[in-house]
Amino acid sequence: MEMKILASGIGAALPKTSIGFSLFSGVYIQLRRSSSDQPQTFGIASGLEIGGNSGTLIAGHIETAWMKIDTTKHVWLCSRSSLVGKLGEVELKGTLAFSGTIDVNFTIFDANNESTFSLSRIKVESKGGQLADTKIRGVIKDMMGKTQNGRALCAQP
């Protein structure tokens, strides 16, 4: 399985604090079984928000390269019910100017706001730009619509 993240945001947040505001933050999480498959797209968006739940420093846009994911370690990525409607957080750490590497954290929370699933990758090849970390938290939506619900996200190990 492979995963790609596309994130954009406008706002002001102080890194490693919960001080800031976000005018808009959004992220697409794309998953595909292999490089020849059409990706399934999930999204998280937040509008005007005060606090540190979502934000970036001034503005940022990042597109990661496709990351290979071990489905034996992250079987939760194979199920829409593990993703859609759940509170998720994507954090992209590092300064990026045109291209380089960043660190990616993707966490899913349960009804008690405890992390239930998490995926972390460091030194992910990316393009775009950001001055500081970008964090986007919100409810995960299926951007593909109900017509795709019967399709498995990945081949079962």
C-alpha atoms as a PDB file:
ATOM      1  CA  MET A   1       0.000   0.000   0.000  1.00  0.00           C
ATOM      2  CA  GLU A   2       1.084   3.572  -0.617  1.00  0.00           C
ATOM      3  CA  MET A   3       0.026   6.857   0.962  1.00  0.00           C
ATOM      4  CA  LYS A   4       0.420  10.479  -0.141  1.00  0.00           C
ATOM      5  CA  ILE A   5      -0.450  13.680   1.744  1.00  0.00           C
ATOM      6  CA  LEU A   6      -1.419  17.037   0.207  1.00  0.00           C
ATOM      7  CA  ALA A   7      -1.889  19.845   2.726  1.00  0.00           C
ATOM      8  CA  SER A   8      -2.529  23.596   2.555  1.00  0.00           C
ATOM      9  CA  GLY A   9      -3.123  26.171   5.222  1.00  0.00           C
ATOM     10  CA  ILE A  10      -3.258  29.881   5.942  1.00  0.00           C
ATOM     11  CA  GLY A  11      -2.929  31.210   9.458  1.00  0.00           C
ATOM     12  CA  ALA A  12      -0.453  31.812  12.251  1.00  0.00           C
ATOM     13  CA  ALA A  13       0.544  29.272  14.863  1.00  0.00           C
ATOM     14  CA  LEU A  14       3.514  29.205  17.173  1.00  0.00           C
ATOM     15  CA  PRO A  15       5.241  25.821  16.877  1.00  0.00           C
ATOM     16  CA  LYS A  16       5.080  23.541  19.947  1.00  0.00           C
ATOM     17  CA  THR A  17       2.416  25.724  21.595  1.00  0.00           C
ATOM     18  CA  SER A  18      -1.351  25.872  21.469  1.00  0.00           C
ATOM     19  CA  ILE A  19      -1.306  29.546  20.504  1.00  0.00           C
ATOM     20  CA  GLY A  20      -2.499  30.522  17.076  1.00  0.00           C
ATOM     21  CA  PHE A  21      -5.325  30.839  14.620  1.00  0.00           C
ATOM     22  CA  SER A  22      -6.160  29.276  11.313  1.00  0.00           C
ATOM     23  CA  LEU A  23      -8.081  30.936   8.505  1.00  0.00           C
ATOM     24  CA  PHE A  24      -8.186  27.671   6.572  1.00  0.00           C
ATOM     25  CA  SER A  25      -6.413  24.324   6.757  1.00  0.00           C
ATOM     26  CA  GLY A  26      -7.059  21.284   4.640  1.00  0.00           C
ATOM     27  CA  VAL A  27      -5.427  17.969   3.890  1.00  0.00           C
ATOM     28  CA  TYR A  28      -6.034  15.184   1.408  1.00  0.00           C
ATOM     29  CA  ILE A  29      -4.892  11.702   2.401  1.00  0.00           C
ATOM     30  CA  GLN A  30      -4.568   9.466  -0.635  1.00  0.00           C
ATOM     31  CA  LEU A  31      -4.232   5.692  -0.364  1.00  0.00           C
ATOM     32  CA  ARG A  32      -3.641   3.194  -3.142  1.00  0.00           C
ATOM     33  CA  ARG A  33      -2.865  -0.512  -3.300  1.00  0.00           C
ATOM     34  CA  SER A  34      -0.034  -0.089  -5.815  1.00  0.00           C
ATOM     35  CA  SER A  35       1.432   2.498  -8.164  1.00  0.00           C
ATOM     36  CA  SER A  36      -0.843   1.273 -10.975  1.00  0.00           C
ATOM     37  CA  ASP A  37      -4.084   1.704  -8.943  1.00  0.00           C
ATOM     38  CA  GLN A  38      -6.333   4.757  -8.732  1.00  0.00           C
ATOM     39  CA  PRO A  39      -5.938   6.398  -5.288  1.00  0.00           C
ATOM     40  CA  GLN A  40      -8.765   6.603  -2.762  1.00  0.00           C
ATOM     41  CA  THR A  41      -8.972  10.101  -1.290  1.00  0.00           C
ATOM     42  CA  PHE A  42      -9.918  11.137   2.244  1.00  0.00           C
ATOM     43  CA  GLY A  43      -9.939  14.680   3.565  1.00  0.00           C
ATOM     44  CA  ILE A  44      -9.811  16.795   6.692  1.00  0.00           C
ATOM     45  CA  ALA A  45     -10.677  20.492   6.582  1.00  0.00           C
ATOM     46  CA  SER A  46     -10.996  23.184   9.195  1.00  0.00           C
ATOM     47  CA  GLY A  47     -12.165  26.728   8.757  1.00  0.00           C
ATOM     48  CA  LEU A  48     -11.590  29.717  10.999  1.00  0.00           C
ATOM     49  CA  GLU A  49     -10.227  28.395  14.270  1.00  0.00           C
ATOM     50  CA  ILE A  50      -8.616  29.980  17.321  1.00  0.00           C
ATOM     51  CA  GLY A  51      -6.183  27.821  19.293  1.00  0.00           C
ATOM     52  CA  GLY A  52      -3.576  25.290  18.298  1.00  0.00           C
ATOM     53  CA  ASN A  53      -5.651  22.418  16.892  1.00  0.00           C
ATOM     54  CA  SER A  54      -4.914  23.383  13.289  1.00  0.00           C
ATOM     55  CA  GLY A  55      -2.561  25.863  11.764  1.00  0.00           C
ATOM     56  CA  THR A  56       0.592  26.772   9.960  1.00  0.00           C
ATOM     57  CA  LEU A  57       2.975  29.699  10.104  1.00  0.00           C
ATOM     58  CA  ILE A  58       1.619  32.285   7.596  1.00  0.00           C
ATOM     59  CA  ALA A  59       0.869  29.931   4.673  1.00  0.00           C
ATOM     60  CA  GLY A  60       1.992  26.543   3.527  1.00  0.00           C
ATOM     61  CA  HIS A  61       1.373  23.960   0.856  1.00  0.00           C
ATOM     62  CA  ILE A  62       2.987  20.523   0.847  1.00  0.00           C
ATOM     63  CA  GLU A  63       2.704  17.471  -1.369  1.00  0.00           C
ATOM     64  CA  THR A  64       4.564  14.399  -0.180  1.00  0.00           C
ATOM     65  CA  ALA A  65       5.900  11.683  -2.413  1.00  0.00           C
ATOM     66  CA  TRP A  66       4.102   8.329  -2.316  1.00  0.00           C
ATOM     67  CA  MET A  67       5.147   6.527   0.875  1.00  0.00           C
ATOM     68  CA  LYS A  68       5.218   2.720   1.052  1.00  0.00           C
ATOM     69  CA  ILE A  69       3.104   1.526   4.000  1.00  0.00           C
ATOM     70  CA  ASP A  70       3.448  -1.909   5.614  1.00  0.00           C
ATOM     71  CA  THR A  71      -0.177  -3.096   5.943  1.00  0.00           C
ATOM     72  CA  THR A  72       0.818  -5.762   8.469  1.00  0.00           C
ATOM     73  CA  LYS A  73       1.785  -2.929  10.851  1.00  0.00           C
ATOM     74  CA  HIS A  74      -1.000  -0.568   9.793  1.00  0.00           C
ATOM     75  CA  VAL A  75      -3.936  -2.825   8.918  1.00  0.00           C
ATOM     76  CA  TRP A  76      -6.287  -0.046  10.130  1.00  0.00           C
ATOM     77  CA  LEU A  77      -5.551   1.848   6.893  1.00  0.00           C
ATOM     78  CA  CYS A  78      -7.308  -0.929   4.955  1.00  0.00           C
ATOM     79  CA  SER A  79     -10.722  -0.173   6.450  1.00  0.00           C
ATOM     80  CA  ARG A  80     -12.889   2.862   5.716  1.00  0.00           C
ATOM     81  CA  SER A  81     -14.602   2.374   9.101  1.00  0.00           C
ATOM     82  CA  SER A  82     -11.222   3.016  10.777  1.00  0.00           C
ATOM     83  CA  LEU A  83     -10.997   6.355   8.970  1.00  0.00           C
ATOM     84  CA  VAL A  84     -14.290   7.937   7.849  1.00  0.00           C
ATOM     85  CA  GLY A  85     -16.075   9.902  10.557  1.00  0.00           C
ATOM     86  CA  LYS A  86     -13.189   9.594  13.010  1.00  0.00           C
ATOM     87  CA  LEU A  87     -11.238  12.495  14.449  1.00  0.00           C
ATOM     88  CA  GLY A  88      -7.881  12.578  12.693  1.00  0.00           C
ATOM     89  CA  GLU A  89      -4.779  14.705  12.885  1.00  0.00           C
ATOM     90  CA  VAL A  90      -2.060  15.154  10.294  1.00  0.00           C
ATOM     91  CA  GLU A  91       1.124  16.922  11.326  1.00  0.00           C
ATOM     92  CA  LEU A  92       3.846  17.862   8.847  1.00  0.00           C
ATOM     93  CA  LYS A  93       7.059  18.914  10.579  1.00  0.00           C
ATOM     94  CA  GLY A  94       9.963  20.800   9.107  1.00  0.00           C
ATOM     95  CA  THR A  95      10.822  23.775   6.964  1.00  0.00           C
ATOM     96  CA  LEU A  96      10.410  23.241   3.251  1.00  0.00           C
ATOM     97  CA  ALA A  97      11.331  25.532   0.350  1.00  0.00           C
ATOM     98  CA  PHE A  98      10.333  24.077  -3.029  1.00  0.00           C
ATOM     99  CA  SER A  99      11.533  20.533  -2.237  1.00  0.00           C
ATOM    100  CA  GLY A 100      13.190  18.551   0.509  1.00  0.00           C
ATOM    101  CA  THR A 101      12.167  16.224   3.329  1.00  0.00           C
ATOM    102  CA  ILE A 102       9.640  16.557   6.139  1.00  0.00           C
ATOM    103  CA  ASP A 103       8.348  14.362   8.960  1.00  0.00           C
ATOM    104  CA  VAL A 104       4.754  13.092   8.791  1.00  0.00           C
ATOM    105  CA  ASN A 105       2.510  12.043  11.699  1.00  0.00           C
ATOM    106  CA  PHE A 106      -1.025  10.743  11.060  1.00  0.00           C
ATOM    107  CA  THR A 107      -3.125   9.893  14.123  1.00  0.00           C
ATOM    108  CA  ILE A 108      -6.704   8.629  14.525  1.00  0.00           C
ATOM    109  CA  PHE A 109      -8.567   9.283  17.800  1.00  0.00           C
ATOM    110  CA  ASP A 110     -11.486   7.360  19.334  1.00  0.00           C
ATOM    111  CA  ALA A 111     -14.687   8.716  20.925  1.00  0.00           C
ATOM    112  CA  ASN A 112     -12.755   9.383  24.173  1.00  0.00           C
ATOM    113  CA  ASN A 113     -10.162  11.473  22.280  1.00  0.00           C
ATOM    114  CA  GLU A 114      -7.456   8.871  22.853  1.00  0.00           C
ATOM    115  CA  SER A 115      -5.156   7.955  19.989  1.00  0.00           C
ATOM    116  CA  THR A 116      -6.103   4.553  18.640  1.00  0.00           C
ATOM    117  CA  PHE A 117      -3.982   4.370  15.496  1.00  0.00           C
ATOM    118  CA  SER A 118      -0.867   6.243  14.504  1.00  0.00           C
ATOM    119  CA  LEU A 119       1.604   6.313  11.645  1.00  0.00           C
ATOM    120  CA  SER A 120       4.870   8.257  11.714  1.00  0.00           C
ATOM    121  CA  ARG A 121       7.411   8.648   8.936  1.00  0.00           C
ATOM    122  CA  ILE A 122      10.554  10.753   8.927  1.00  0.00           C
ATOM    123  CA  LYS A 123      12.454  12.256   6.016  1.00  0.00           C
ATOM    124  CA  VAL A 124       9.617  11.973   3.498  1.00  0.00           C
ATOM    125  CA  GLU A 125      10.484  13.505   0.120  1.00  0.00           C
ATOM    126  CA  SER A 126       8.131  16.436  -0.482  1.00  0.00           C
ATOM    127  CA  LYS A 127       7.598  19.527  -2.572  1.00  0.00           C
ATOM    128  CA  GLY A 128       5.980  22.837  -1.731  1.00  0.00           C
ATOM    129  CA  GLY A 129       6.758  25.275   1.029  1.00  0.00           C
ATOM    130  CA  GLN A 130       6.253  25.962   4.705  1.00  0.00           C
ATOM    131  CA  LEU A 131       8.174  27.967   7.281  1.00  0.00           C
ATOM    132  CA  ALA A 132       7.242  25.824  10.265  1.00  0.00           C
ATOM    133  CA  ASP A 133       5.082  22.849  11.191  1.00  0.00           C
ATOM    134  CA  THR A 134       1.594  22.396   9.769  1.00  0.00           C
ATOM    135  CA  LYS A 135      -1.047  20.612  11.836  1.00  0.00           C
ATOM    136  CA  ILE A 136      -4.591  19.846  10.710  1.00  0.00           C
ATOM    137  CA  ARG A 137      -7.153  18.225  13.012  1.00  0.00           C
ATOM    138  CA  GLY A 138     -10.740  17.378  12.176  1.00  0.00           C
ATOM    139  CA  VAL A 139     -13.245  14.730  11.129  1.00  0.00           C
ATOM    140  CA  ILE A 140     -12.088  12.533   8.245  1.00  0.00           C
ATOM    141  CA  LYS A 141     -14.376  12.510   5.223  1.00  0.00           C
ATOM    142  CA  ASP A 142     -14.478  10.130   2.263  1.00  0.00           C
ATOM    143  CA  MET A 143     -13.857  12.366  -0.746  1.00  0.00           C
ATOM    144  CA  MET A 144     -14.693   9.566  -3.214  1.00  0.00           C
ATOM    145  CA  GLY A 145     -18.394   9.339  -2.341  1.00  0.00           C
ATOM    146  CA  LYS A 146     -20.592   6.382  -1.537  1.00  0.00           C
ATOM    147  CA  THR A 147     -20.034   4.675  -4.898  1.00  0.00           C
ATOM    148  CA  GLN A 148     -16.586   3.507  -3.744  1.00  0.00           C
ATOM    149  CA  ASN A 149     -17.661   2.017  -0.392  1.00  0.00           C
ATOM    150  CA  GLY A 150     -17.478  -1.628  -1.496  1.00  0.00           C
ATOM    151  CA  ARG A 151     -13.875  -1.463  -2.698  1.00  0.00           C
ATOM    152  CA  ALA A 152     -11.149  -2.646  -0.325  1.00  0.00           C
ATOM    153  CA  LEU A 153      -8.458  -0.064   0.294  1.00  0.00           C
ATOM    154  CA  CYS A 154      -5.649  -2.598   0.213  1.00  0.00           C
ATOM    155  CA  ALA A 155      -5.044  -6.263  -0.394  1.00  0.00           C
ATOM    156  CA  GLN A 156      -5.370  -8.128   2.856  1.00  0.00           C
ATOM    157  CA  PRO A 157      -2.040  -9.514   4.120  1.00  0.00           C
END
